[in-house]
PDB file of all heavy atoms in Angstrom:
ATOM      1  N   GLY A   1      93.583 209.620  16.306  1.00  0.00           N
ATOM      2  CA  GLY A   1      93.960 208.215  16.282  1.00  0.00           C
ATOM      3  C   GLY A   1      95.280 207.932  16.962  1.00  0.00           C
ATOM      4  O   GLY A   1      95.805 206.812  16.868  1.00  0.00           O
ATOM      5  N   GLY A   2      95.859 208.926  17.602  1.00  0.00           N
ATOM      6  CA  GLY A   2      97.097 208.720  18.350  1.00  0.00           C
ATOM      7  C   GLY A   2      98.362 209.108  17.614  1.00  0.00           C
ATOM      8  O   GLY A   2      99.460 208.959  18.159  1.00  0.00           O
ATOM      9  N   ILE A   3      98.240 209.590  16.387  1.00  0.00           N
ATOM     10  CA  ILE A   3      99.428 210.041  15.650  1.00  0.00           C
ATOM     11  C   ILE A   3      99.773 211.451  16.119  1.00  0.00           C
ATOM     12  O   ILE A   3      98.942 212.357  16.040  1.00  0.00           O
ATOM     13  CB  ILE A   3      99.174 210.004  14.129  1.00  0.00           C
ATOM     14  CG1 ILE A   3      99.011 208.562  13.662  1.00  0.00           C
ATOM     15  CG2 ILE A   3     100.320 210.677  13.376  1.00  0.00           C
ATOM     16  CD1 ILE A   3      98.715 208.407  12.188  1.00  0.00           C
ATOM     17  N   LYS A   4     100.999 211.611  16.589  1.00  0.00           N
ATOM     18  CA  LYS A   4     101.400 212.886  17.171  1.00  0.00           C
ATOM     19  C   LYS A   4     101.675 213.912  16.075  1.00  0.00           C
ATOM     20  O   LYS A   4     102.296 213.601  15.053  1.00  0.00           O
ATOM     21  CB  LYS A   4     102.644 212.704  18.040  1.00  0.00           C
ATOM     22  CG  LYS A   4     102.390 211.815  19.250  1.00  0.00           C
ATOM     23  CD  LYS A   4     103.650 211.596  20.045  1.00  0.00           C
ATOM     24  CE  LYS A   4     103.377 210.657  21.224  1.00  0.00           C
ATOM     25  NZ  LYS A   4     104.602 210.372  21.996  1.00  0.00           N
ATOM     26  N   VAL A   5     101.206 215.124  16.324  1.00  0.00           N
ATOM     27  CA  VAL A   5     101.412 216.219  15.371  1.00  0.00           C
ATOM     28  C   VAL A   5     102.143 217.360  16.081  1.00  0.00           C
ATOM     29  O   VAL A   5     102.317 217.339  17.301  1.00  0.00           O
ATOM     30  CB  VAL A   5     100.055 216.709  14.814  1.00  0.00           C
ATOM     31  CG1 VAL A   5      99.394 215.617  13.996  1.00  0.00           C
ATOM     32  CG2 VAL A   5      99.132 217.172  15.929  1.00  0.00           C
ATOM     33  N   VAL A   6     102.550 218.338  15.288  1.00  0.00           N
ATOM     34  CA  VAL A   6     103.318 219.460  15.840  1.00  0.00           C
ATOM     35  C   VAL A   6     102.525 220.206  16.903  1.00  0.00           C
ATOM     36  O   VAL A   6     103.035 220.560  17.959  1.00  0.00           O
ATOM     37  CB  VAL A   6     103.754 220.408  14.700  1.00  0.00           C
ATOM     38  CG1 VAL A   6     104.360 221.686  15.280  1.00  0.00           C
ATOM     39  CG2 VAL A   6     104.755 219.713  13.799  1.00  0.00           C
ATOM     40  N   GLY A   7     101.263 220.477  16.654  1.00  0.00           N
ATOM     41  CA  GLY A   7     100.419 221.150  17.638  1.00  0.00           C
ATOM     42  C   GLY A   7     100.548 222.660  17.594  1.00  0.00           C
ATOM     43  O   GLY A   7     101.241 223.233  16.743  1.00  0.00           O
ATOM     44  N   ALA A   8      99.878 223.324  18.524  1.00  0.00           N
ATOM     45  CA  ALA A   8      99.857 224.792  18.564  1.00  0.00           C
ATOM     46  C   ALA A   8     101.200 225.344  18.999  1.00  0.00           C
ATOM     47  O   ALA A   8     101.875 224.789  19.866  1.00  0.00           O
ATOM     48  CB  ALA A   8      98.762 225.271  19.512  1.00  0.00           C
ATOM     49  N   ILE A   9     101.605 226.460  18.390  1.00  0.00           N
ATOM     50  CA  ILE A   9     102.864 227.134  18.712  1.00  0.00           C
ATOM     51  C   ILE A   9     102.560 228.578  19.077  1.00  0.00           C
ATOM     52  O   ILE A   9     101.964 229.313  18.288  1.00  0.00           O
ATOM     53  CB  ILE A   9     103.834 227.104  17.503  1.00  0.00           C
ATOM     54  CG1 ILE A   9     104.058 225.659  17.022  1.00  0.00           C
ATOM     55  CG2 ILE A   9     105.149 227.765  17.857  1.00  0.00           C
ATOM     56  CD1 ILE A   9     104.770 225.574  15.701  1.00  0.00           C
ATOM     57  N   ALA A  10     102.986 228.968  20.268  1.00  0.00           N
ATOM     58  CA  ALA A  10     102.793 230.360  20.696  1.00  0.00           C
ATOM     59  C   ALA A  10     103.849 231.238  20.040  1.00  0.00           C
ATOM     60  O   ALA A  10     105.043 231.027  20.207  1.00  0.00           O
ATOM     61  CB  ALA A  10     102.895 230.465  22.211  1.00  0.00           C
ATOM     62  N   ALA A  11     103.420 232.219  19.239  1.00  0.00           N
ATOM     63  CA  ALA A  11     104.343 233.085  18.502  1.00  0.00           C
ATOM     64  C   ALA A  11     104.608 234.369  19.275  1.00  0.00           C
ATOM     65  O   ALA A  11     103.738 234.890  19.975  1.00  0.00           O
ATOM     66  CB  ALA A  11     103.780 233.413  17.131  1.00  0.00           C
ATOM     67  N   SER A  12     105.828 234.887  19.138  1.00  0.00           N
ATOM     68  CA  SER A  12     106.194 236.183  19.720  1.00  0.00           C
ATOM     69  C   SER A  12     107.469 236.643  19.036  1.00  0.00           C
ATOM     70  O   SER A  12     108.257 235.823  18.570  1.00  0.00           O
ATOM     71  CB  SER A  12     106.405 236.067  21.235  1.00  0.00           C
ATOM     72  OG  SER A  12     107.417 235.132  21.523  1.00  0.00           O
ATOM     73  N   PRO A  13     107.702 237.961  18.956  1.00  0.00           N
ATOM     74  CA  PRO A  13     108.899 238.458  18.272  1.00  0.00           C
ATOM     75  C   PRO A  13     110.166 238.161  19.075  1.00  0.00           C
ATOM     76  O   PRO A  13     110.105 237.934  20.290  1.00  0.00           O
ATOM     77  CB  PRO A  13     108.647 239.969  18.183  1.00  0.00           C
ATOM     78  CG  PRO A  13     107.714 240.254  19.307  1.00  0.00           C
ATOM     79  CD  PRO A  13     106.850 239.047  19.440  1.00  0.00           C
ATOM     80  N   PRO A  14     111.340 238.161  18.425  1.00  0.00           N
ATOM     81  CA  PRO A  14     112.590 237.907  19.149  1.00  0.00           C
ATOM     82  C   PRO A  14     112.941 239.064  20.078  1.00  0.00           C
ATOM     83  O   PRO A  14     112.578 240.214  19.832  1.00  0.00           O
ATOM     84  CB  PRO A  14     113.620 237.772  18.024  1.00  0.00           C
ATOM     85  CG  PRO A  14     113.048 238.554  16.889  1.00  0.00           C
ATOM     86  CD  PRO A  14     111.558 238.396  16.994  1.00  0.00           C
ATOM     87  N   SER A  15     113.646 238.745  21.159  1.00  0.00           N
ATOM     88  CA  SER A  15     114.120 239.765  22.100  1.00  0.00           C
ATOM     89  C   SER A  15     115.525 240.181  21.690  1.00  0.00           C
ATOM     90  O   SER A  15     116.402 239.335  21.510  1.00  0.00           O
ATOM     91  CB  SER A  15     114.123 239.210  23.522  1.00  0.00           C
ATOM     92  OG  SER A  15     112.835 238.785  23.893  1.00  0.00           O
ATOM     93  N   LEU A  16     115.738 241.481  21.526  1.00  0.00           N
ATOM     94  CA  LEU A  16     117.029 241.992  21.085  1.00  0.00           C
ATOM     95  C   LEU A  16     117.795 242.588  22.253  1.00  0.00           C
ATOM     96  O   LEU A  16     117.206 243.120  23.192  1.00  0.00           O
ATOM     97  CB  LEU A  16     116.839 243.050  19.989  1.00  0.00           C
ATOM     98  CG  LEU A  16     116.037 242.613  18.761  1.00  0.00           C
ATOM     99  CD1 LEU A  16     115.902 243.768  17.791  1.00  0.00           C
ATOM    100  CD2 LEU A  16     116.696 241.422  18.088  1.00  0.00           C
ATOM    101  N   GLY A  17     119.128 242.518  22.191  1.00  0.00           N
ATOM    102  CA  GLY A  17     119.962 243.128  23.219  1.00  0.00           C
ATOM    103  C   GLY A  17     120.969 242.156  23.798  1.00  0.00           C
ATOM    104  O   GLY A  17     120.884 240.937  23.599  1.00  0.00           O
ATOM    105  N   LEU A  18     121.942 242.714  24.523  1.00  0.00           N
ATOM    106  CA  LEU A  18     122.978 241.905  25.156  1.00  0.00           C
ATOM    107  C   LEU A  18     122.429 241.230  26.403  1.00  0.00           C
ATOM    108  O   LEU A  18     121.609 241.799  27.119  1.00  0.00           O
ATOM    109  CB  LEU A  18     124.181 242.770  25.528  1.00  0.00           C
ATOM    110  CG  LEU A  18     125.043 243.260  24.367  1.00  0.00           C
ATOM    111  CD1 LEU A  18     126.055 244.276  24.871  1.00  0.00           C
ATOM    112  CD2 LEU A  18     125.758 242.091  23.720  1.00  0.00           C
ATOM    113  N   PRO A  19     122.883 240.005  26.702  1.00  0.00           N
ATOM    114  CA  PRO A  19     122.432 239.346  27.931  1.00  0.00           C
ATOM    115  C   PRO A  19     122.964 240.073  29.162  1.00  0.00           C
ATOM    116  O   PRO A  19     124.119 240.506  29.200  1.00  0.00           O
ATOM    117  CB  PRO A  19     123.026 237.938  27.812  1.00  0.00           C
ATOM    118  CG  PRO A  19     124.166 238.066  26.864  1.00  0.00           C
ATOM    119  CD  PRO A  19     123.782 239.158  25.905  1.00  0.00           C
ATOM    120  N   SER A  20     122.114 240.220  30.168  1.00  0.00           N
ATOM    121  CA  SER A  20     122.494 240.888  31.405  1.00  0.00           C
ATOM    122  C   SER A  20     123.018 239.842  32.388  1.00  0.00           C
ATOM    123  O   SER A  20     122.244 239.116  33.024  1.00  0.00           O
ATOM    124  CB  SER A  20     121.292 241.628  32.003  1.00  0.00           C
ATOM    125  OG  SER A  20     121.647 242.241  33.215  1.00  0.00           O
ATOM    126  N   VAL A  21     124.347 239.750  32.504  1.00  0.00           N
ATOM    127  CA  VAL A  21     124.982 238.726  33.335  1.00  0.00           C
ATOM    128  C   VAL A  21     126.211 239.310  34.011  1.00  0.00           C
ATOM    129  O   VAL A  21     126.607 240.451  33.740  1.00  0.00           O
ATOM    130  CB  VAL A  21     125.392 237.505  32.483  1.00  0.00           C
ATOM    131  CG1 VAL A  21     124.176 236.746  31.987  1.00  0.00           C
ATOM    132  CG2 VAL A  21     126.246 237.936  31.304  1.00  0.00           C
ATOM    133  N   GLY A  22     126.821 238.513  34.881  1.00  0.00           N
ATOM    134  CA  GLY A  22     128.009 238.954  35.595  1.00  0.00           C
ATOM    135  C   GLY A  22     129.220 238.090  35.286  1.00  0.00           C
ATOM    136  O   GLY A  22     129.127 237.065  34.602  1.00  0.00           O
ATOM    137  N   PHE A  23     130.387 238.487  35.845  1.00  0.00           N
ATOM    138  CA  PHE A  23     131.630 237.765  35.585  1.00  0.00           C
ATOM    139  C   PHE A  23     131.575 236.344  36.134  1.00  0.00           C
ATOM    140  O   PHE A  23     132.158 235.420  35.555  1.00  0.00           O
ATOM    141  CB  PHE A  23     132.807 238.522  36.214  1.00  0.00           C
ATOM    142  CG  PHE A  23     134.122 237.819  36.024  1.00  0.00           C
ATOM    143  CD1 PHE A  23     134.755 237.802  34.798  1.00  0.00           C
ATOM    144  CD2 PHE A  23     134.725 237.148  37.090  1.00  0.00           C
ATOM    145  CE1 PHE A  23     135.959 237.142  34.614  1.00  0.00           C
ATOM    146  CE2 PHE A  23     135.932 236.489  36.925  1.00  0.00           C
ATOM    147  CZ  PHE A  23     136.547 236.491  35.684  1.00  0.00           C
ATOM    148  N   SER A  24     130.882 236.167  37.264  1.00  0.00           N
ATOM    149  CA  SER A  24     130.783 234.828  37.837  1.00  0.00           C
ATOM    150  C   SER A  24     130.062 233.880  36.879  1.00  0.00           C
ATOM    151  O   SER A  24     130.371 232.680  36.824  1.00  0.00           O
ATOM    152  CB  SER A  24     130.048 234.882  39.179  1.00  0.00           C
ATOM    153  OG  SER A  24     128.740 235.412  39.006  1.00  0.00           O
ATOM    154  N   ASP A  25     129.106 234.411  36.124  1.00  0.00           N
ATOM    155  CA  ASP A  25     128.409 233.585  35.133  1.00  0.00           C
ATOM    156  C   ASP A  25     129.354 233.164  34.017  1.00  0.00           C
ATOM    157  O   ASP A  25     129.325 232.017  33.550  1.00  0.00           O
ATOM    158  CB  ASP A  25     127.221 234.354  34.548  1.00  0.00           C
ATOM    159  CG  ASP A  25     126.199 234.731  35.598  1.00  0.00           C
ATOM    160  OD1 ASP A  25     125.922 233.897  36.476  1.00  0.00           O
ATOM    161  OD2 ASP A  25     125.685 235.868  35.546  1.00  0.00           O
ATOM    162  N   VAL A  26     130.195 234.101  33.598  1.00  0.00           N
ATOM    163  CA  VAL A  26     131.172 233.800  32.546  1.00  0.00           C
ATOM    164  C   VAL A  26     132.113 232.691  33.019  1.00  0.00           C
ATOM    165  O   VAL A  26     132.398 231.730  32.286  1.00  0.00           O
ATOM    166  CB  VAL A  26     131.969 235.056  32.168  1.00  0.00           C
ATOM    167  CG1 VAL A  26     133.096 234.715  31.194  1.00  0.00           C
ATOM    168  CG2 VAL A  26     131.044 236.104  31.555  1.00  0.00           C
ATOM    169  N   ARG A  27     132.601 232.829  34.225  1.00  0.00           N
ATOM    170  CA  ARG A  27     133.539 231.833  34.761  1.00  0.00           C
ATOM    171  C   ARG A  27     132.871 230.461  34.880  1.00  0.00           C
ATOM    172  O   ARG A  27     133.480 229.440  34.576  1.00  0.00           O
ATOM    173  CB  ARG A  27     134.039 232.293  36.128  1.00  0.00           C
ATOM    174  CG  ARG A  27     135.120 231.408  36.730  1.00  0.00           C
ATOM    175  CD  ARG A  27     135.669 232.047  37.988  1.00  0.00           C
ATOM    176  NE  ARG A  27     134.594 232.325  38.936  1.00  0.00           N
ATOM    177  CZ  ARG A  27     134.735 233.069  40.037  1.00  0.00           C
ATOM    178  NH1 ARG A  27     135.914 233.619  40.298  1.00  0.00           N
ATOM    179  NH2 ARG A  27     133.726 233.264  40.848  1.00  0.00           N
ATOM    180  N   ALA A  28     131.608 230.432  35.308  1.00  0.00           N
ATOM    181  CA  ALA A  28     130.911 229.157  35.486  1.00  0.00           C
ATOM    182  C   ALA A  28     130.640 228.463  34.152  1.00  0.00           C
ATOM    183  O   ALA A  28     130.665 227.231  34.069  1.00  0.00           O
ATOM    184  CB  ALA A  28     129.601 229.392  36.230  1.00  0.00           C
TER     185      ALA A  28
END
């Protein structure tokens, strides 16, 4: 009837670990 619902959610486990980035990313 047009009432919006949450809908399907794709599940997956969390990703662990430090982000792989550089110093330029930190500065930006």
